[in-house]
Protein backbone atom coordinates (compact mmCIF):
# COMPACT_ATOMS: atom_id res chain seq x y z
CA UNK A 1 0.00 0.00 0.00
CA UNK A 2 1.43 3.34 -1.01
CA UNK A 3 2.55 5.55 1.88
CA UNK A 4 2.88 2.75 4.43
CA UNK A 5 6.04 1.04 5.62
CA UNK A 6 6.03 -1.82 8.08
CA UNK A 7 8.69 -2.52 10.67
CA UNK A 8 9.08 -6.27 11.12
CA UNK A 9 10.91 -8.37 13.69
CA UNK A 10 13.46 -11.06 12.87
CA UNK A 11 10.60 -13.50 12.20
CA UNK A 12 8.92 -11.18 9.71
CA UNK A 13 6.10 -10.32 12.11
CA UNK A 14 4.80 -6.76 11.70
CA UNK A 15 5.62 -4.71 14.80
CA UNK A 16 5.07 -1.10 13.74
CA UNK A 17 3.98 1.01 10.82
CA UNK A 18 5.19 4.29 9.37
CA UNK A 19 2.52 6.46 7.77
CA UNK A 20 3.24 9.07 5.14
CA UNK A 21 1.38 12.00 6.68
CA UNK A 22 1.10 13.72 3.31
CA UNK A 23 -1.21 10.86 2.34
CA UNK A 24 -2.69 9.73 5.68
CA UNK A 25 -2.87 12.87 7.84
CA UNK A 26 -6.65 12.57 8.25
CA UNK A 27 -6.36 8.90 9.24
CA UNK A 28 -3.58 9.71 11.71
CA UNK A 29 -5.81 12.32 13.38
CA UNK A 30 -8.49 9.64 13.84
CA UNK A 31 -5.97 7.15 15.24
CA UNK A 32 -4.55 9.77 17.59
CA UNK A 33 -8.02 10.74 18.84
CA UNK A 34 -8.77 7.09 19.59
CA UNK A 35 -5.49 6.67 21.47
CA UNK A 36 -6.10 9.81 23.56
CA UNK A 37 -9.63 8.70 24.34
CA UNK A 38 -8.41 5.25 25.36
CA UNK A 39 -5.67 6.71 27.57
CA UNK A 40 -8.28 8.82 29.41
CA UNK A 41 -10.82 6.05 29.94
CA UNK A 42 -10.23 5.89 33.71
CA UNK A 43 -10.25 9.63 34.34
CA UNK A 44 -12.96 11.13 36.49
CA UNK A 45 -15.94 12.21 34.43
CA UNK A 46 -17.61 15.61 34.64
CA UNK A 47 -21.27 16.01 33.76
CA UNK A 48 -21.87 18.28 30.79
CA UNK A 49 -24.10 20.67 32.75
CA UNK A 50 -21.44 21.11 35.45
CA UNK A 51 -18.74 21.82 32.87
CA UNK A 52 -20.96 24.19 30.90
CA UNK A 53 -21.82 26.18 34.04
CA UNK A 54 -18.17 26.32 35.06
CA UNK A 55 -17.15 27.64 31.64
CA UNK A 56 -19.93 30.20 31.72
CA UNK A 57 -18.82 31.42 35.17
CA UNK A 58 -15.20 31.63 34.04
CA UNK A 59 -16.21 33.67 31.01
CA UNK A 60 -18.23 36.07 33.16
CA UNK A 61 -15.27 36.60 35.52
CA UNK A 62 -13.00 37.38 32.57
CA UNK A 63 -15.32 40.13 31.32
PDB file of N, CA and C in Angstrom:
ATOM      1  N   UNK A   1       0.847  -1.171   0.000  1.00  0.00           N
ATOM      2  CA  UNK A   1       0.000   0.000   0.000  1.00  0.00           C
ATOM      3  C   UNK A   1       0.895   1.236   0.000  1.00  0.00           C
ATOM      4  N   UNK A   2       0.610   2.149  -0.876  1.00  0.00           N
ATOM      5  CA  UNK A   2       1.432   3.339  -1.012  1.00  0.00           C
ATOM      6  C   UNK A   2       1.352   4.198   0.263  1.00  0.00           C
ATOM      7  N   UNK A   3       2.504   4.678   0.720  1.00  0.00           N
ATOM      8  CA  UNK A   3       2.548   5.554   1.876  1.00  0.00           C
ATOM      9  C   UNK A   3       2.640   4.852   3.214  1.00  0.00           C
ATOM     10  N   UNK A   4       2.737   3.527   3.198  1.00  0.00           N
ATOM     11  CA  UNK A   4       2.883   2.750   4.429  1.00  0.00           C
ATOM     12  C   UNK A   4       4.161   1.925   4.369  1.00  0.00           C
ATOM     13  N   UNK A   5       4.872   1.906   5.487  1.00  0.00           N
ATOM     14  CA  UNK A   5       6.040   1.041   5.617  1.00  0.00           C
ATOM     15  C   UNK A   5       5.897   0.289   6.926  1.00  0.00           C
ATOM     16  N   UNK A   6       6.140  -1.005   6.878  1.00  0.00           N
ATOM     17  CA  UNK A   6       6.030  -1.821   8.081  1.00  0.00           C
ATOM     18  C   UNK A   6       7.407  -2.125   8.643  1.00  0.00           C
ATOM     19  N   UNK A   7       7.502  -2.088   9.956  1.00  0.00           N
ATOM     20  CA  UNK A   7       8.695  -2.522  10.666  1.00  0.00           C
ATOM     21  C   UNK A   7       8.401  -3.944  11.121  1.00  0.00           C
ATOM     22  N   UNK A   8       9.294  -4.861  10.772  1.00  0.00           N
ATOM     23  CA  UNK A   8       9.080  -6.271  11.122  1.00  0.00           C
ATOM     24  C   UNK A   8      10.203  -6.764  12.021  1.00  0.00           C
ATOM     25  N   UNK A   9       9.881  -7.773  12.832  1.00  0.00           N
ATOM     26  CA  UNK A   9      10.911  -8.368  13.686  1.00  0.00           C
ATOM     27  C   UNK A   9      11.698  -9.405  12.885  1.00  0.00           C
ATOM     28  N   UNK A  10      12.603 -10.093  13.561  1.00  0.00           N
ATOM     29  CA  UNK A  10      13.460 -11.064  12.874  1.00  0.00           C
ATOM     30  C   UNK A  10      12.691 -12.236  12.285  1.00  0.00           C
ATOM     31  N   UNK A  11      11.430 -12.427  12.734  1.00  0.00           N
ATOM     32  CA  UNK A  11      10.601 -13.500  12.198  1.00  0.00           C
ATOM     33  C   UNK A  11       9.650 -13.013  11.098  1.00  0.00           C
ATOM     34  N   UNK A  12       9.777 -11.739  10.744  1.00  0.00           N
ATOM     35  CA  UNK A  12       8.923 -11.181   9.705  1.00  0.00           C
ATOM     36  C   UNK A  12       7.567 -10.727  10.208  1.00  0.00           C
ATOM     37  N   UNK A  13       7.366 -10.745  11.532  1.00  0.00           N
ATOM     38  CA  UNK A  13       6.096 -10.320  12.110  1.00  0.00           C
ATOM     39  C   UNK A  13       6.052  -8.786  12.173  1.00  0.00           C
ATOM     40  N   UNK A  14       4.954  -8.207  11.676  1.00  0.00           N
ATOM     41  CA  UNK A  14       4.802  -6.760  11.697  1.00  0.00           C
ATOM     42  C   UNK A  14       4.734  -6.262  13.137  1.00  0.00           C
ATOM     43  N   UNK A  15       5.561  -5.256  13.449  1.00  0.00           N
ATOM     44  CA  UNK A  15       5.621  -4.708  14.798  1.00  0.00           C
ATOM     45  C   UNK A  15       5.225  -3.239  14.857  1.00  0.00           C
ATOM     46  N   UNK A  16       5.378  -2.522  13.772  1.00  0.00           N
ATOM     47  CA  UNK A  16       5.069  -1.096  13.736  1.00  0.00           C
ATOM     48  C   UNK A  16       4.816  -0.692  12.299  1.00  0.00           C
ATOM     49  N   UNK A  17       4.257   0.499  12.164  1.00  0.00           N
ATOM     50  CA  UNK A  17       3.980   1.010  10.821  1.00  0.00           C
ATOM     51  C   UNK A  17       4.370   2.483  10.761  1.00  0.00           C
ATOM     52  N   UNK A  18       4.892   2.886   9.640  1.00  0.00           N
ATOM     53  CA  UNK A  18       5.189   4.292   9.366  1.00  0.00           C
ATOM     54  C   UNK A  18       4.177   4.778   8.339  1.00  0.00           C
ATOM     55  N   UNK A  19       3.505   5.881   8.677  1.00  0.00           N
ATOM     56  CA  UNK A  19       2.515   6.456   7.771  1.00  0.00           C
ATOM     57  C   UNK A  19       3.086   7.704   7.117  1.00  0.00           C
ATOM     58  N   UNK A  20       2.904   7.832   5.834  1.00  0.00           N
ATOM     59  CA  UNK A  20       3.242   9.070   5.140  1.00  0.00           C
ATOM     60  C   UNK A  20       2.117  10.048   5.439  1.00  0.00           C
ATOM     61  N   UNK A  21       2.423  11.068   6.248  1.00  0.00           N
ATOM     62  CA  UNK A  21       1.380  12.000   6.676  1.00  0.00           C
ATOM     63  C   UNK A  21       0.867  12.882   5.548  1.00  0.00           C
ATOM     64  N   UNK A  22       1.618  12.993   4.464  1.00  0.00           N
ATOM     65  CA  UNK A  22       1.098  13.723   3.306  1.00  0.00           C
ATOM     66  C   UNK A  22      -0.105  12.987   2.713  1.00  0.00           C
ATOM     67  N   UNK A  23      -0.127  11.686   2.875  1.00  0.00           N
ATOM     68  CA  UNK A  23      -1.213  10.863   2.344  1.00  0.00           C
ATOM     69  C   UNK A  23      -2.255  10.558   3.417  1.00  0.00           C
ATOM     70  N   UNK A  24      -1.808  10.261   4.638  1.00  0.00           N
ATOM     71  CA  UNK A  24      -2.690   9.730   5.677  1.00  0.00           C
ATOM     72  C   UNK A  24      -2.886  10.652   6.876  1.00  0.00           C
ATOM     73  N   UNK A  25      -2.726  11.949   6.707  1.00  0.00           N
ATOM     74  CA  UNK A  25      -2.868  12.874   7.843  1.00  0.00           C
ATOM     75  C   UNK A  25      -4.243  12.759   8.493  1.00  0.00           C
ATOM     76  N   UNK A  26      -5.298  12.662   7.687  1.00  0.00           N
ATOM     77  CA  UNK A  26      -6.650  12.566   8.246  1.00  0.00           C
ATOM     78  C   UNK A  26      -6.844  11.271   9.024  1.00  0.00           C
ATOM     79  N   UNK A  27      -6.269  10.188   8.532  1.00  0.00           N
ATOM     80  CA  UNK A  27      -6.364   8.901   9.244  1.00  0.00           C
ATOM     81  C   UNK A  27      -5.565   8.954  10.540  1.00  0.00           C
ATOM     82  N   UNK A  28      -4.392   9.600  10.506  1.00  0.00           N
ATOM     83  CA  UNK A  28      -3.579   9.712  11.710  1.00  0.00           C
ATOM     84  C   UNK A  28      -4.328  10.486  12.785  1.00  0.00           C
ATOM     85  N   UNK A  29      -5.031  11.541  12.409  1.00  0.00           N
ATOM     86  CA  UNK A  29      -5.811  12.317  13.378  1.00  0.00           C
ATOM     87  C   UNK A  29      -6.850  11.429  14.052  1.00  0.00           C
ATOM     88  N   UNK A  30      -7.501  10.573  13.277  1.00  0.00           N
ATOM     89  CA  UNK A  30      -8.492   9.639  13.842  1.00  0.00           C
ATOM     90  C   UNK A  30      -7.826   8.656  14.802  1.00  0.00           C
ATOM     91  N   UNK A  31      -6.698   8.097  14.393  1.00  0.00           N
ATOM     92  CA  UNK A  31      -5.974   7.146  15.238  1.00  0.00           C
ATOM     93  C   UNK A  31      -5.545   7.827  16.531  1.00  0.00           C
ATOM     94  N   UNK A  32      -5.005   9.031  16.417  1.00  0.00           N
ATOM     95  CA  UNK A  32      -4.546   9.770  17.588  1.00  0.00           C
ATOM     96  C   UNK A  32      -5.704  10.055  18.545  1.00  0.00           C
ATOM     97  N   UNK A  33      -6.847  10.470  18.002  1.00  0.00           N
ATOM     98  CA  UNK A  33      -8.018  10.736  18.841  1.00  0.00           C
ATOM     99  C   UNK A  33      -8.449   9.484  19.599  1.00  0.00           C
ATOM    100  N   UNK A  34      -8.415   8.350  18.939  1.00  0.00           N
ATOM    101  CA  UNK A  34      -8.772   7.086  19.589  1.00  0.00           C
ATOM    102  C   UNK A  34      -7.789   6.760  20.710  1.00  0.00           C
ATOM    103  N   UNK A  35      -6.500   6.948  20.448  1.00  0.00           N
ATOM    104  CA  UNK A  35      -5.495   6.672  21.472  1.00  0.00           C
ATOM    105  C   UNK A  35      -5.640   7.595  22.678  1.00  0.00           C
ATOM    106  N   UNK A  36      -5.901   8.870  22.451  1.00  0.00           N
ATOM    107  CA  UNK A  36      -6.097   9.813  23.555  1.00  0.00           C
ATOM    108  C   UNK A  36      -7.328   9.413  24.357  1.00  0.00           C
ATOM    109  N   UNK A  37      -8.399   9.108  23.674  1.00  0.00           N
ATOM    110  CA  UNK A  37      -9.631   8.700  24.339  1.00  0.00           C
ATOM    111  C   UNK A  37      -9.395   7.451  25.193  1.00  0.00           C
ATOM    112  N   UNK A  38      -8.703   6.487  24.633  1.00  0.00           N
ATOM    113  CA  UNK A  38      -8.408   5.249  25.359  1.00  0.00           C
ATOM    114  C   UNK A  38      -7.540   5.522  26.588  1.00  0.00           C
ATOM    115  N   UNK A  39      -6.572   6.421  26.448  1.00  0.00           N
ATOM    116  CA  UNK A  39      -5.674   6.708  27.571  1.00  0.00           C
ATOM    117  C   UNK A  39      -6.392   7.422  28.712  1.00  0.00           C
ATOM    118  N   UNK A  40      -7.520   8.062  28.406  1.00  0.00           N
ATOM    119  CA  UNK A  40      -8.276   8.818  29.413  1.00  0.00           C
ATOM    120  C   UNK A  40      -9.484   8.055  29.945  1.00  0.00           C
ATOM    121  N   UNK A  41      -9.619   6.797  29.597  1.00  0.00           N
ATOM    122  CA  UNK A  41     -10.820   6.045  29.937  1.00  0.00           C
ATOM    123  C   UNK A  41     -11.076   5.927  31.432  1.00  0.00           C
ATOM    124  N   UNK A  42     -10.050   6.033  32.260  1.00  0.00           N
ATOM    125  CA  UNK A  42     -10.231   5.895  33.706  1.00  0.00           C
ATOM    126  C   UNK A  42     -10.246   7.230  34.442  1.00  0.00           C
ATOM    127  N   UNK A  43     -10.210   8.323  33.706  1.00  0.00           N
ATOM    128  CA  UNK A  43     -10.251   9.632  34.341  1.00  0.00           C
ATOM    129  C   UNK A  43     -11.648   9.915  34.875  1.00  0.00           C
ATOM    130  N   UNK A  44     -11.690  10.735  35.908  1.00  0.00           N
ATOM    131  CA  UNK A  44     -12.961  11.134  36.485  1.00  0.00           C
ATOM    132  C   UNK A  44     -13.780  11.877  35.431  1.00  0.00           C
ATOM    133  N   UNK A  45     -15.062  11.576  35.393  1.00  0.00           N
ATOM    134  CA  UNK A  45     -15.944  12.207  34.425  1.00  0.00           C
ATOM    135  C   UNK A  45     -16.615  13.434  35.053  1.00  0.00           C
ATOM    136  N   UNK A  46     -16.899  14.410  34.224  1.00  0.00           N
ATOM    137  CA  UNK A  46     -17.609  15.611  34.645  1.00  0.00           C
ATOM    138  C   UNK A  46     -18.882  15.696  33.816  1.00  0.00           C
ATOM    139  N   UNK A  47     -19.994  15.889  34.490  1.00  0.00           N
ATOM    140  CA  UNK A  47     -21.266  16.014  33.765  1.00  0.00           C
ATOM    141  C   UNK A  47     -21.239  17.273  32.913  1.00  0.00           C
ATOM    142  N   UNK A  48     -21.864  17.180  31.741  1.00  0.00           N
ATOM    143  CA  UNK A  48     -21.865  18.283  30.789  1.00  0.00           C
ATOM    144  C   UNK A  48     -22.414  19.559  31.414  1.00  0.00           C
ATOM    145  N   UNK A  49     -23.501  19.478  32.153  1.00  0.00           N
ATOM    146  CA  UNK A  49     -24.103  20.673  32.751  1.00  0.00           C
ATOM    147  C   UNK A  49     -23.139  21.342  33.725  1.00  0.00           C
ATOM    148  N   UNK A  50     -22.408  20.570  34.497  1.00  0.00           N
ATOM    149  CA  UNK A  50     -21.442  21.113  35.451  1.00  0.00           C
ATOM    150  C   UNK A  50     -20.321  21.832  34.695  1.00  0.00           C
ATOM    151  N   UNK A  51     -19.802  21.207  33.662  1.00  0.00           N
ATOM    152  CA  UNK A  51     -18.736  21.821  32.866  1.00  0.00           C
ATOM    153  C   UNK A  51     -19.221  23.097  32.181  1.00  0.00           C
ATOM    154  N   UNK A  52     -20.403  23.039  31.596  1.00  0.00           N
ATOM    155  CA  UNK A  52     -20.957  24.194  30.900  1.00  0.00           C
ATOM    156  C   UNK A  52     -21.128  25.364  31.862  1.00  0.00           C
ATOM    157  N   UNK A  53     -21.655  25.109  33.043  1.00  0.00           N
ATOM    158  CA  UNK A  53     -21.825  26.175  34.036  1.00  0.00           C
ATOM    159  C   UNK A  53     -20.483  26.738  34.477  1.00  0.00           C
ATOM    160  N   UNK A  54     -19.503  25.881  34.654  1.00  0.00           N
ATOM    161  CA  UNK A  54     -18.165  26.319  35.056  1.00  0.00           C
ATOM    162  C   UNK A  54     -17.542  27.217  33.984  1.00  0.00           C
ATOM    163  N   UNK A  55     -17.681  26.835  32.736  1.00  0.00           N
ATOM    164  CA  UNK A  55     -17.149  27.640  31.636  1.00  0.00           C
ATOM    165  C   UNK A  55     -17.862  28.990  31.554  1.00  0.00           C
ATOM    166  N   UNK A  56     -19.159  28.964  31.757  1.00  0.00           N
ATOM    167  CA  UNK A  56     -19.934  30.201  31.722  1.00  0.00           C
ATOM    168  C   UNK A  56     -19.487  31.144  32.843  1.00  0.00           C
ATOM    169  N   UNK A  57     -19.284  30.602  34.042  1.00  0.00           N
ATOM    170  CA  UNK A  57     -18.820  31.418  35.171  1.00  0.00           C
ATOM    171  C   UNK A  57     -17.425  31.980  34.911  1.00  0.00           C
ATOM    172  N   UNK A  58     -16.563  31.178  34.350  1.00  0.00           N
ATOM    173  CA  UNK A  58     -15.204  31.625  34.043  1.00  0.00           C
ATOM    174  C   UNK A  58     -15.222  32.763  33.023  1.00  0.00           C
ATOM    175  N   UNK A  59     -16.074  32.636  32.033  1.00  0.00           N
ATOM    176  CA  UNK A  59     -16.211  33.668  31.005  1.00  0.00           C
ATOM    177  C   UNK A  59     -16.716  34.982  31.613  1.00  0.00           C
ATOM    178  N   UNK A  60     -17.669  34.882  32.519  1.00  0.00           N
ATOM    179  CA  UNK A  60     -18.228  36.075  33.159  1.00  0.00           C
ATOM    180  C   UNK A  60     -17.176  36.780  34.004  1.00  0.00           C
ATOM    181  N   UNK A  61     -16.335  36.021  34.696  1.00  0.00           N
ATOM    182  CA  UNK A  61     -15.275  36.600  35.521  1.00  0.00           C
ATOM    183  C   UNK A  61     -14.230  37.311  34.656  1.00  0.00           C
ATOM    184  N   UNK A  62     -14.012  36.801  33.466  1.00  0.00           N
ATOM    185  CA  UNK A  62     -13.002  37.380  32.567  1.00  0.00           C
ATOM    186  C   UNK A  62     -13.471  38.716  31.979  1.00  0.00           C
ATOM    187  N   UNK A  63     -14.776  38.892  31.920  1.00  0.00           N
ATOM    188  CA  UNK A  63     -15.320  40.131  31.323  1.00  0.00           C
ATOM    189  C   UNK A  63     -15.440  41.167  32.348  1.00  0.00           C
TER     190      UNK A  63
END
